[in-house]
Amino acid sequence: MHFDIEDLVAEGTTVVCIGVMSGTLYGVPATDRPTAARHVHILTFNPAGLVIDHLAVREGVALLRQLGVLPPTRVQACRARDAAVPAPVSEPLEDR
């Protein structure tokens, strides 16, 4: 796994980290599919600099859909279907 930090904000004893995780996911067989999911981590530190609280919000469902573990949403399925169907070719009027 790789985590690209997009934003990092600190105030007092709290740090908020926003980024995108990519790479392989534990517990899911390798698919060779690229994945990326946004994460937000909120860490609270004690005076000694140790983390005493950690809150994480992840796009877990989106990640599982990218890996094929969960089915695509209806919108994703319709977009994939529409992309696979070639656009109709109109015939010139004189050929009809």
PDB file of N, CA and C in Angstrom:
ATOM      1  N   MET A   1       0.830  -1.185   0.000  1.00  0.00           N
ATOM      2  CA  MET A   1       0.000   0.000   0.000  1.00  0.00           C
ATOM      3  C   MET A   1       0.876   1.250   0.000  1.00  0.00           C
ATOM      4  N   HIS A   2       0.344   2.253  -0.638  1.00  0.00           N
ATOM      5  CA  HIS A   2       1.035   3.543  -0.706  1.00  0.00           C
ATOM      6  C   HIS A   2       0.018   4.621  -0.362  1.00  0.00           C
ATOM      7  N   PHE A   3       0.414   5.609   0.416  1.00  0.00           N
ATOM      8  CA  PHE A   3      -0.492   6.683   0.816  1.00  0.00           C
ATOM      9  C   PHE A   3       0.106   8.014   0.387  1.00  0.00           C
ATOM     10  N   ASP A   4      -0.549   8.681  -0.567  1.00  0.00           N
ATOM     11  CA  ASP A   4      -0.124  10.012  -1.006  1.00  0.00           C
ATOM     12  C   ASP A   4      -0.872  11.058  -0.188  1.00  0.00           C
ATOM     13  N   ILE A   5      -0.155  11.850   0.563  1.00  0.00           N
ATOM     14  CA  ILE A   5      -0.780  12.891   1.381  1.00  0.00           C
ATOM     15  C   ILE A   5      -1.099  14.086   0.499  1.00  0.00           C
ATOM     16  N   GLU A   6      -2.372  14.480   0.520  1.00  0.00           N
ATOM     17  CA  GLU A   6      -2.820  15.637  -0.256  1.00  0.00           C
ATOM     18  C   GLU A   6      -2.896  16.890   0.599  1.00  0.00           C
ATOM     19  N   ASP A   7      -3.220  16.710   1.887  1.00  0.00           N
ATOM     20  CA  ASP A   7      -3.359  17.862   2.772  1.00  0.00           C
ATOM     21  C   ASP A   7      -3.046  17.411   4.194  1.00  0.00           C
ATOM     22  N   LEU A   8      -2.390  18.249   4.938  1.00  0.00           N
ATOM     23  CA  LEU A   8      -2.030  17.957   6.321  1.00  0.00           C
ATOM     24  C   LEU A   8      -2.213  19.244   7.117  1.00  0.00           C
ATOM     25  N   VAL A   9      -3.076  19.189   8.130  1.00  0.00           N
ATOM     26  CA  VAL A   9      -3.372  20.374   8.930  1.00  0.00           C
ATOM     27  C   VAL A   9      -3.197  20.012  10.400  1.00  0.00           C
ATOM     28  N   ALA A  10      -2.498  20.842  11.138  1.00  0.00           N
ATOM     29  CA  ALA A  10      -2.284  20.615  12.570  1.00  0.00           C
ATOM     30  C   ALA A  10      -2.715  21.832  13.352  1.00  0.00           C
ATOM     31  N   GLU A  11      -3.405  21.568  14.466  1.00  0.00           N
ATOM     32  CA  GLU A  11      -3.782  22.645  15.375  1.00  0.00           C
ATOM     33  C   GLU A  11      -3.798  22.078  16.784  1.00  0.00           C
ATOM     34  N   GLY A  12      -2.990  22.637  17.641  1.00  0.00           N
ATOM     35  CA  GLY A  12      -2.910  22.128  19.010  1.00  0.00           C
ATOM     36  C   GLY A  12      -2.402  20.697  19.013  1.00  0.00           C
ATOM     37  N   THR A  13      -3.195  19.790  19.600  1.00  0.00           N
ATOM     38  CA  THR A  13      -2.786  18.384  19.687  1.00  0.00           C
ATOM     39  C   THR A  13      -3.429  17.519  18.604  1.00  0.00           C
ATOM     40  N   THR A  14      -4.091  18.144  17.634  1.00  0.00           N
ATOM     41  CA  THR A  14      -4.810  17.395  16.605  1.00  0.00           C
ATOM     42  C   THR A  14      -4.189  17.612  15.234  1.00  0.00           C
ATOM     43  N   VAL A  15      -4.066  16.519  14.477  1.00  0.00           N
ATOM     44  CA  VAL A  15      -3.551  16.566  13.112  1.00  0.00           C
ATOM     45  C   VAL A  15      -4.573  15.885  12.209  1.00  0.00           C
ATOM     46  N   VAL A  16      -4.908  16.536  11.090  1.00  0.00           N
ATOM     47  CA  VAL A  16      -5.804  15.959  10.097  1.00  0.00           C
ATOM     48  C   VAL A  16      -4.995  15.719   8.837  1.00  0.00           C
ATOM     49  N   CYS A  17      -5.073  14.487   8.353  1.00  0.00           N
ATOM     50  CA  CYS A  17      -4.332  14.084   7.166  1.00  0.00           C
ATOM     51  C   CYS A  17      -5.327  13.577   6.120  1.00  0.00           C
ATOM     52  N   ILE A  18      -5.265  14.137   4.910  1.00  0.00           N
ATOM     53  CA  ILE A  18      -6.146  13.727   3.819  1.00  0.00           C
ATOM     54  C   ILE A  18      -5.260  13.249   2.681  1.00  0.00           C
ATOM     55  N   GLY A  19      -5.612  12.090   2.131  1.00  0.00           N
ATOM     56  CA  GLY A  19      -4.790  11.562   1.056  1.00  0.00           C
ATOM     57  C   GLY A  19      -5.472  10.441   0.302  1.00  0.00           C
ATOM     58  N   VAL A  20      -4.728   9.837  -0.615  1.00  0.00           N
ATOM     59  CA  VAL A  20      -5.240   8.747  -1.437  1.00  0.00           C
ATOM     60  C   VAL A  20      -4.337   7.539  -1.248  1.00  0.00           C
ATOM     61  N   MET A  21      -4.964   6.404  -0.915  1.00  0.00           N
ATOM     62  CA  MET A  21      -4.250   5.155  -0.741  1.00  0.00           C
ATOM     63  C   MET A  21      -4.332   4.361  -2.033  1.00  0.00           C
ATOM     64  N   SER A  22      -3.228   3.762  -2.440  1.00  0.00           N
ATOM     65  CA  SER A  22      -3.234   2.937  -3.641  1.00  0.00           C
ATOM     66  C   SER A  22      -2.336   1.734  -3.411  1.00  0.00           C
ATOM     67  N   GLY A  23      -2.525   0.692  -4.228  1.00  0.00           N
ATOM     68  CA  GLY A  23      -1.709  -0.508  -4.114  1.00  0.00           C
ATOM     69  C   GLY A  23      -2.542  -1.739  -3.848  1.00  0.00           C
ATOM     70  N   THR A  24      -1.950  -2.744  -3.208  1.00  0.00           N
ATOM     71  CA  THR A  24      -2.658  -3.987  -2.911  1.00  0.00           C
ATOM     72  C   THR A  24      -3.407  -3.861  -1.598  1.00  0.00           C
ATOM     73  N   LEU A  25      -4.477  -4.626  -1.465  1.00  0.00           N
ATOM     74  CA  LEU A  25      -5.328  -4.553  -0.278  1.00  0.00           C
ATOM     75  C   LEU A  25      -5.293  -5.879   0.456  1.00  0.00           C
ATOM     76  N   TYR A  26      -5.121  -5.836   1.758  1.00  0.00           N
ATOM     77  CA  TYR A  26      -5.087  -7.045   2.581  1.00  0.00           C
ATOM     78  C   TYR A  26      -6.417  -7.805   2.499  1.00  0.00           C
ATOM     79  N   GLY A  27      -6.325  -9.123   2.513  1.00  0.00           N
ATOM     80  CA  GLY A  27      -7.531  -9.939   2.540  1.00  0.00           C
ATOM     81  C   GLY A  27      -8.203 -10.144   1.204  1.00  0.00           C
ATOM     82  N   VAL A  28      -7.781  -9.475   0.156  1.00  0.00           N
ATOM     83  CA  VAL A  28      -8.392  -9.604  -1.164  1.00  0.00           C
ATOM     84  C   VAL A  28      -7.337 -10.170  -2.102  1.00  0.00           C
ATOM     85  N   PRO A  29      -7.651 -11.258  -2.803  1.00  0.00           N
ATOM     86  CA  PRO A  29      -6.666 -11.815  -3.733  1.00  0.00           C
ATOM     87  C   PRO A  29      -6.221 -10.769  -4.754  1.00  0.00           C
ATOM     88  N   ALA A  30      -4.992 -10.907  -5.202  1.00  0.00           N
ATOM     89  CA  ALA A  30      -4.438  -9.960  -6.172  1.00  0.00           C
ATOM     90  C   ALA A  30      -5.266  -9.969  -7.450  1.00  0.00           C
ATOM     91  N   THR A  31      -5.583  -8.790  -7.950  1.00  0.00           N
ATOM     92  CA  THR A  31      -6.364  -8.653  -9.179  1.00  0.00           C
ATOM     93  C   THR A  31      -5.575  -7.956 -10.274  1.00  0.00           C
ATOM     94  N   ASP A  32      -4.433  -7.400  -9.939  1.00  0.00           N
ATOM     95  CA  ASP A  32      -3.628  -6.590 -10.858  1.00  0.00           C
ATOM     96  C   ASP A  32      -4.389  -5.367 -11.350  1.00  0.00           C
ATOM     97  N   ARG A  33      -5.467  -5.008 -10.672  1.00  0.00           N
ATOM     98  CA  ARG A  33      -6.219  -3.794 -11.017  1.00  0.00           C
ATOM     99  C   ARG A  33      -5.671  -2.620 -10.211  1.00  0.00           C
ATOM    100  N   PRO A  34      -5.492  -1.474 -10.835  1.00  0.00           N
ATOM    101  CA  PRO A  34      -5.074  -0.311 -10.051  1.00  0.00           C
ATOM    102  C   PRO A  34      -6.233   0.148  -9.165  1.00  0.00           C
ATOM    103  N   THR A  35      -5.918   0.579  -7.979  1.00  0.00           N
ATOM    104  CA  THR A  35      -6.943   1.071  -7.064  1.00  0.00           C
ATOM    105  C   THR A  35      -6.507   2.390  -6.462  1.00  0.00           C
ATOM    106  N   ALA A  36      -7.485   3.163  -6.047  1.00  0.00           N
ATOM    107  CA  ALA A  36      -7.212   4.408  -5.326  1.00  0.00           C
ATOM    108  C   ALA A  36      -8.448   4.756  -4.515  1.00  0.00           C
ATOM    109  N   ALA A  37      -8.250   5.104  -3.254  1.00  0.00           N
ATOM    110  CA  ALA A  37      -9.374   5.467  -2.385  1.00  0.00           C
ATOM    111  C   ALA A  37      -8.933   6.597  -1.456  1.00  0.00           C
ATOM    112  N   ARG A  38      -9.790   7.568  -1.322  1.00  0.00           N
ATOM    113  CA  ARG A  38      -9.493   8.717  -0.460  1.00  0.00           C
ATOM    114  C   ARG A  38      -9.659   8.315   1.009  1.00  0.00           C
ATOM    115  N   HIS A  39      -8.756   8.823   1.833  1.00  0.00           N
ATOM    116  CA  HIS A  39      -8.791   8.601   3.276  1.00  0.00           C
ATOM    117  C   HIS A  39      -8.691   9.940   3.992  1.00  0.00           C
ATOM    118  N   VAL A  40      -9.323  10.009   5.155  1.00  0.00           N
ATOM    119  CA  VAL A  40      -9.138  11.143   6.058  1.00  0.00           C
ATOM    120  C   VAL A  40      -8.806  10.549   7.424  1.00  0.00           C
ATOM    121  N   HIS A  41      -7.689  10.963   7.999  1.00  0.00           N
ATOM    122  CA  HIS A  41      -7.278  10.492   9.319  1.00  0.00           C
ATOM    123  C   HIS A  41      -7.176  11.688  10.250  1.00  0.00           C
ATOM    124  N   ILE A  42      -7.773  11.554  11.426  1.00  0.00           N
ATOM    125  CA  ILE A  42      -7.690  12.595  12.446  1.00  0.00           C
ATOM    126  C   ILE A  42      -6.985  11.976  13.654  1.00  0.00           C
ATOM    127  N   LEU A  43      -5.825  12.520  13.974  1.00  0.00           N
ATOM    128  CA  LEU A  43      -5.000  11.989  15.066  1.00  0.00           C
ATOM    129  C   LEU A  43      -4.932  13.003  16.199  1.00  0.00           C
ATOM    130  N   THR A  44      -5.047  12.511  17.425  1.00  0.00           N
ATOM    131  CA  THR A  44      -4.884  13.358  18.605  1.00  0.00           C
ATOM    132  C   THR A  44      -3.674  12.843  19.379  1.00  0.00           C
ATOM    133  N   PHE A  45      -2.790  13.770  19.753  1.00  0.00           N
ATOM    134  CA  PHE A  45      -1.552  13.411  20.443  1.00  0.00           C
ATOM    135  C   PHE A  45      -1.593  13.864  21.896  1.00  0.00           C
ATOM    136  N   ASN A  46      -0.912  13.111  22.766  1.00  0.00           N
ATOM    137  CA  ASN A  46      -0.762  13.551  24.156  1.00  0.00           C
ATOM    138  C   ASN A  46       0.481  14.438  24.244  1.00  0.00           C
ATOM    139  N   PRO A  47       0.757  15.049  25.405  1.00  0.00           N
ATOM    140  CA  PRO A  47       1.925  15.934  25.516  1.00  0.00           C
ATOM    141  C   PRO A  47       3.262  15.256  25.203  1.00  0.00           C
ATOM    142  N   ALA A  48       3.337  13.923  25.352  1.00  0.00           N
ATOM    143  CA  ALA A  48       4.578  13.214  25.058  1.00  0.00           C
ATOM    144  C   ALA A  48       4.735  12.935  23.561  1.00  0.00           C
ATOM    145  N   GLY A  49       3.724  13.309  22.760  1.00  0.00           N
ATOM    146  CA  GLY A  49       3.803  13.111  21.318  1.00  0.00           C
ATOM    147  C   GLY A  49       3.285  11.766  20.842  1.00  0.00           C
ATOM    148  N   LEU A  50       2.628  11.010  21.728  1.00  0.00           N
ATOM    149  CA  LEU A  50       2.058   9.717  21.353  1.00  0.00           C
ATOM    150  C   LEU A  50       0.604   9.879  20.925  1.00  0.00           C
ATOM    151  N   VAL A  51       0.186   9.088  19.939  1.00  0.00           N
ATOM    152  CA  VAL A  51      -1.202   9.141  19.465  1.00  0.00           C
ATOM    153  C   VAL A  51      -2.106   8.531  20.535  1.00  0.00           C
ATOM    154  N   ILE A  52      -3.125   9.291  20.961  1.00  0.00           N
ATOM    155  CA  ILE A  52      -4.067   8.785  21.955  1.00  0.00           C
ATOM    156  C   ILE A  52      -5.455   8.562  21.360  1.00  0.00           C
ATOM    157  N   ASP A  53      -5.673   9.062  20.131  1.00  0.00           N
ATOM    158  CA  ASP A  53      -6.954   8.844  19.467  1.00  0.00           C
ATOM    159  C   ASP A  53      -6.738   8.903  17.962  1.00  0.00           C
ATOM    160  N   HIS A  54      -7.432   8.038  17.251  1.00  0.00           N
ATOM    161  CA  HIS A  54      -7.301   7.991  15.792  1.00  0.00           C
ATOM    162  C   HIS A  54      -8.674   7.724  15.201  1.00  0.00           C
ATOM    163  N   LEU A  55      -9.146   8.626  14.374  1.00  0.00           N
ATOM    164  CA  LEU A  55     -10.417   8.470  13.667  1.00  0.00           C
ATOM    165  C   LEU A  55     -10.098   8.431  12.184  1.00  0.00           C
ATOM    166  N   ALA A  56     -10.593   7.407  11.490  1.00  0.00           N
ATOM    167  CA  ALA A  56     -10.320   7.270  10.062  1.00  0.00           C
ATOM    168  C   ALA A  56     -11.630   7.145   9.300  1.00  0.00           C
ATOM    169  N   VAL A  57     -11.706   7.840   8.183  1.00  0.00           N
ATOM    170  CA  VAL A  57     -12.841   7.740   7.265  1.00  0.00           C
ATOM    171  C   VAL A  57     -12.260   7.334   5.920  1.00  0.00           C
ATOM    172  N   ARG A  58     -12.737   6.193   5.399  1.00  0.00           N
ATOM    173  CA  ARG A  58     -12.178   5.655   4.156  1.00  0.00           C
ATOM    174  C   ARG A  58     -13.281   5.392   3.142  1.00  0.00           C
ATOM    175  N   GLU A  59     -12.918   5.422   1.869  1.00  0.00           N
ATOM    176  CA  GLU A  59     -13.838   5.050   0.790  1.00  0.00           C
ATOM    177  C   GLU A  59     -13.732   3.545   0.555  1.00  0.00           C
ATOM    178  N   GLY A  60     -14.054   2.769   1.565  1.00  0.00           N
ATOM    179  CA  GLY A  60     -13.895   1.324   1.492  1.00  0.00           C
ATOM    180  C   GLY A  60     -14.774   0.659   0.447  1.00  0.00           C
ATOM    181  N   VAL A  61     -16.011   1.101   0.324  1.00  0.00           N
ATOM    182  CA  VAL A  61     -16.920   0.502  -0.658  1.00  0.00           C
ATOM    183  C   VAL A  61     -16.424   0.781  -2.072  1.00  0.00           C
ATOM    184  N   ALA A  62     -15.969   1.997  -2.322  1.00  0.00           N
ATOM    185  CA  ALA A  62     -15.437   2.336  -3.648  1.00  0.00           C
ATOM    186  C   ALA A  62     -14.222   1.476  -3.967  1.00  0.00           C
ATOM    187  N   LEU A  63     -13.387   1.245  -2.974  1.00  0.00           N
ATOM    188  CA  LEU A  63     -12.198   0.427  -3.181  1.00  0.00           C
ATOM    189  C   LEU A  63     -12.578  -1.017  -3.506  1.00  0.00           C
ATOM    190  N   LEU A  64     -13.540  -1.575  -2.779  1.00  0.00           N
ATOM    191  CA  LEU A  64     -13.975  -2.948  -3.041  1.00  0.00           C
ATOM    192  C   LEU A  64     -14.632  -3.077  -4.413  1.00  0.00           C
ATOM    193  N   ARG A  65     -15.307  -2.021  -4.868  1.00  0.00           N
ATOM    194  CA  ARG A  65     -15.881  -2.045  -6.224  1.00  0.00           C
ATOM    195  C   ARG A  65     -14.773  -2.035  -7.272  1.00  0.00           C
ATOM    196  N   GLN A  66     -13.715  -1.263  -7.032  1.00  0.00           N
ATOM    197  CA  GLN A  66     -12.596  -1.214  -7.976  1.00  0.00           C
ATOM    198  C   GLN A  66     -11.919  -2.574  -8.095  1.00  0.00           C
ATOM    199  N   LEU A  67     -11.908  -3.332  -7.003  1.00  0.00           N
ATOM    200  CA  LEU A  67     -11.278  -4.650  -6.997  1.00  0.00           C
ATOM    201  C   LEU A  67     -12.203  -5.744  -7.528  1.00  0.00           C
ATOM    202  N   GLY A  68     -13.477  -5.407  -7.733  1.00  0.00           N
ATOM    203  CA  GLY A  68     -14.428  -6.401  -8.231  1.00  0.00           C
ATOM    204  C   GLY A  68     -15.030  -7.264  -7.140  1.00  0.00           C
ATOM    205  N   VAL A  69     -14.772  -6.935  -5.869  1.00  0.00           N
ATOM    206  CA  VAL A  69     -15.343  -7.686  -4.753  1.00  0.00           C
ATOM    207  C   VAL A  69     -16.827  -7.377  -4.622  1.00  0.00           C
ATOM    208  N   LEU A  70     -17.206  -6.133  -4.840  1.00  0.00           N
ATOM    209  CA  LEU A  70     -18.604  -5.708  -4.840  1.00  0.00           C
ATOM    210  C   LEU A  70     -19.013  -5.346  -6.267  1.00  0.00           C
ATOM    211  N   PRO A  71     -20.294  -5.540  -6.600  1.00  0.00           N
ATOM    212  CA  PRO A  71     -20.737  -5.170  -7.954  1.00  0.00           C
ATOM    213  C   PRO A  71     -20.714  -3.651  -8.127  1.00  0.00           C
ATOM    214  N   PRO A  72     -20.627  -3.196  -9.382  1.00  0.00           N
ATOM    215  CA  PRO A  72     -20.644  -1.745  -9.622  1.00  0.00           C
ATOM    216  C   PRO A  72     -22.018  -1.175  -9.290  1.00  0.00           C
ATOM    217  N   THR A  73     -22.055   0.122  -9.077  1.00  0.00           N
ATOM    218  CA  THR A  73     -23.335   0.789  -8.879  1.00  0.00           C
ATOM    219  C   THR A  73     -24.106   0.743 -10.190  1.00  0.00           C
ATOM    220  N   ARG A  74     -25.381   1.041 -10.147  1.00  0.00           N
ATOM    221  CA  ARG A  74     -26.181   1.060 -11.385  1.00  0.00           C
ATOM    222  C   ARG A  74     -25.635   2.068 -12.388  1.00  0.00           C
ATOM    223  N   VAL A  75     -25.204   3.208 -11.903  1.00  0.00           N
ATOM    224  CA  VAL A  75     -24.654   4.237 -12.788  1.00  0.00           C
ATOM    225  C   VAL A  75     -23.380   3.729 -13.450  1.00  0.00           C
ATOM    226  N   GLN A  76     -22.495   3.103 -12.666  1.00  0.00           N
ATOM    227  CA  GLN A  76     -21.254   2.564 -13.226  1.00  0.00           C
ATOM    228  C   GLN A  76     -21.558   1.472 -14.253  1.00  0.00           C
ATOM    229  N   ALA A  77     -22.523   0.610 -13.952  1.00  0.00           N
ATOM    230  CA  ALA A  77     -22.881  -0.476 -14.870  1.00  0.00           C
ATOM    231  C   ALA A  77     -23.441   0.084 -16.174  1.00  0.00           C
ATOM    232  N   CYS A  78     -24.281   1.112 -16.086  1.00  0.00           N
ATOM    233  CA  CYS A  78     -24.858   1.727 -17.290  1.00  0.00           C
ATOM    234  C   CYS A  78     -23.774   2.409 -18.122  1.00  0.00           C
ATOM    235  N   ARG A  79     -22.842   3.079 -17.460  1.00  0.00           N
ATOM    236  CA  ARG A  79     -21.756   3.734 -18.199  1.00  0.00           C
ATOM    237  C   ARG A  79     -20.887   2.703 -18.913  1.00  0.00           C
ATOM    238  N   ALA A  80     -20.591   1.599 -18.235  1.00  0.00           N
ATOM    239  CA  ALA A  80     -19.779   0.541 -18.850  1.00  0.00           C
ATOM    240  C   ALA A  80     -20.529  -0.072 -20.028  1.00  0.00           C
ATOM    241  N   ARG A  81     -21.833  -0.288 -19.866  1.00  0.00           N
ATOM    242  CA  ARG A  81     -22.643  -0.854 -20.944  1.00  0.00           C
ATOM    243  C   ARG A  81     -22.672   0.099 -22.129  1.00  0.00           C
ATOM    244  N   ASP A  82     -22.898   1.368 -21.872  1.00  0.00           N
ATOM    245  CA  ASP A  82     -22.979   2.356 -22.948  1.00  0.00           C
ATOM    246  C   ASP A  82     -21.639   2.508 -23.666  1.00  0.00           C
ATOM    247  N   ALA A  83     -20.548   2.387 -22.940  1.00  0.00           N
ATOM    248  CA  ALA A  83     -19.227   2.512 -23.552  1.00  0.00           C
ATOM    249  C   ALA A  83     -18.923   1.310 -24.444  1.00  0.00           C
ATOM    250  N   ALA A  84     -19.528   0.157 -24.127  1.00  0.00           N
ATOM    251  CA  ALA A  84     -19.258  -1.060 -24.895  1.00  0.00           C
ATOM    252  C   ALA A  84     -20.108  -1.162 -26.163  1.00  0.00           C
ATOM    253  N   VAL A  85     -21.192  -0.389 -26.237  1.00  0.00           N
ATOM    254  CA  VAL A  85     -22.087  -0.439 -27.403  1.00  0.00           C
ATOM    255  C   VAL A  85     -21.654   0.621 -28.399  1.00  0.00           C
ATOM    256  N   PRO A  86     -21.324   0.239 -29.637  1.00  0.00           N
ATOM    257  CA  PRO A  86     -20.920   1.252 -30.606  1.00  0.00           C
ATOM    258  C   PRO A  86     -22.093   2.161 -30.972  1.00  0.00           C
ATOM    259  N   ALA A  87     -21.774   3.388 -31.249  1.00  0.00           N
ATOM    260  CA  ALA A  87     -22.810   4.346 -31.644  1.00  0.00           C
ATOM    261  C   ALA A  87     -23.377   3.941 -32.999  1.00  0.00           C
ATOM    262  N   PRO A  88     -24.683   4.133 -33.203  1.00  0.00           N
ATOM    263  CA  PRO A  88     -25.275   3.767 -34.503  1.00  0.00           C
ATOM    264  C   PRO A  88     -24.701   4.630 -35.619  1.00  0.00           C
ATOM    265  N   VAL A  89     -24.520   4.015 -36.742  1.00  0.00           N
ATOM    266  CA  VAL A  89     -24.009   4.716 -37.913  1.00  0.00           C
ATOM    267  C   VAL A  89     -25.185   5.009 -38.818  1.00  0.00           C
ATOM    268  N   SER A  90     -25.389   6.259 -39.119  1.00  0.00           N
ATOM    269  CA  SER A  90     -26.518   6.601 -39.996  1.00  0.00           C
ATOM    270  C   SER A  90     -26.090   6.462 -41.460  1.00  0.00           C
ATOM    271  N   GLU A  91     -26.995   5.933 -42.232  1.00  0.00           N
ATOM    272  CA  GLU A  91     -26.734   5.759 -43.669  1.00  0.00           C
ATOM    273  C   GLU A  91     -27.084   7.049 -44.407  1.00  0.00           C
ATOM    274  N   PRO A  92     -26.348   7.335 -45.462  1.00  0.00           N
ATOM    275  CA  PRO A  92     -26.714   8.509 -46.264  1.00  0.00           C
ATOM    276  C   PRO A  92     -28.105   8.286 -46.871  1.00  0.00           C
ATOM    277  N   LEU A  93     -28.848   9.359 -47.041  1.00  0.00           N
ATOM    278  CA  LEU A  93     -30.217   9.256 -47.570  1.00  0.00           C
ATOM    279  C   LEU A  93     -30.263   8.591 -48.943  1.00  0.00           C
ATOM    280  N   GLU A  94     -29.291   8.823 -49.787  1.00  0.00           N
ATOM    281  CA  GLU A  94     -29.346   8.252 -51.149  1.00  0.00           C
ATOM    282  C   GLU A  94     -29.160   6.741 -51.159  1.00  0.00           C
ATOM    283  N   ASP A  95     -28.628   6.140 -50.075  1.00  0.00           N
ATOM    284  CA  ASP A  95     -28.437   4.698 -49.998  1.00  0.00           C
ATOM    285  C   ASP A  95     -29.666   3.982 -49.448  1.00  0.00           C
ATOM    286  N   ARG A  96     -30.691   4.673 -49.058  1.00  0.00           N
ATOM    287  CA  ARG A  96     -31.865   4.021 -48.454  1.00  0.00           C
ATOM    288  C   ARG A  96     -32.869   3.616 -49.497  1.00  0.00           C
TER     289      ARG A  96
END
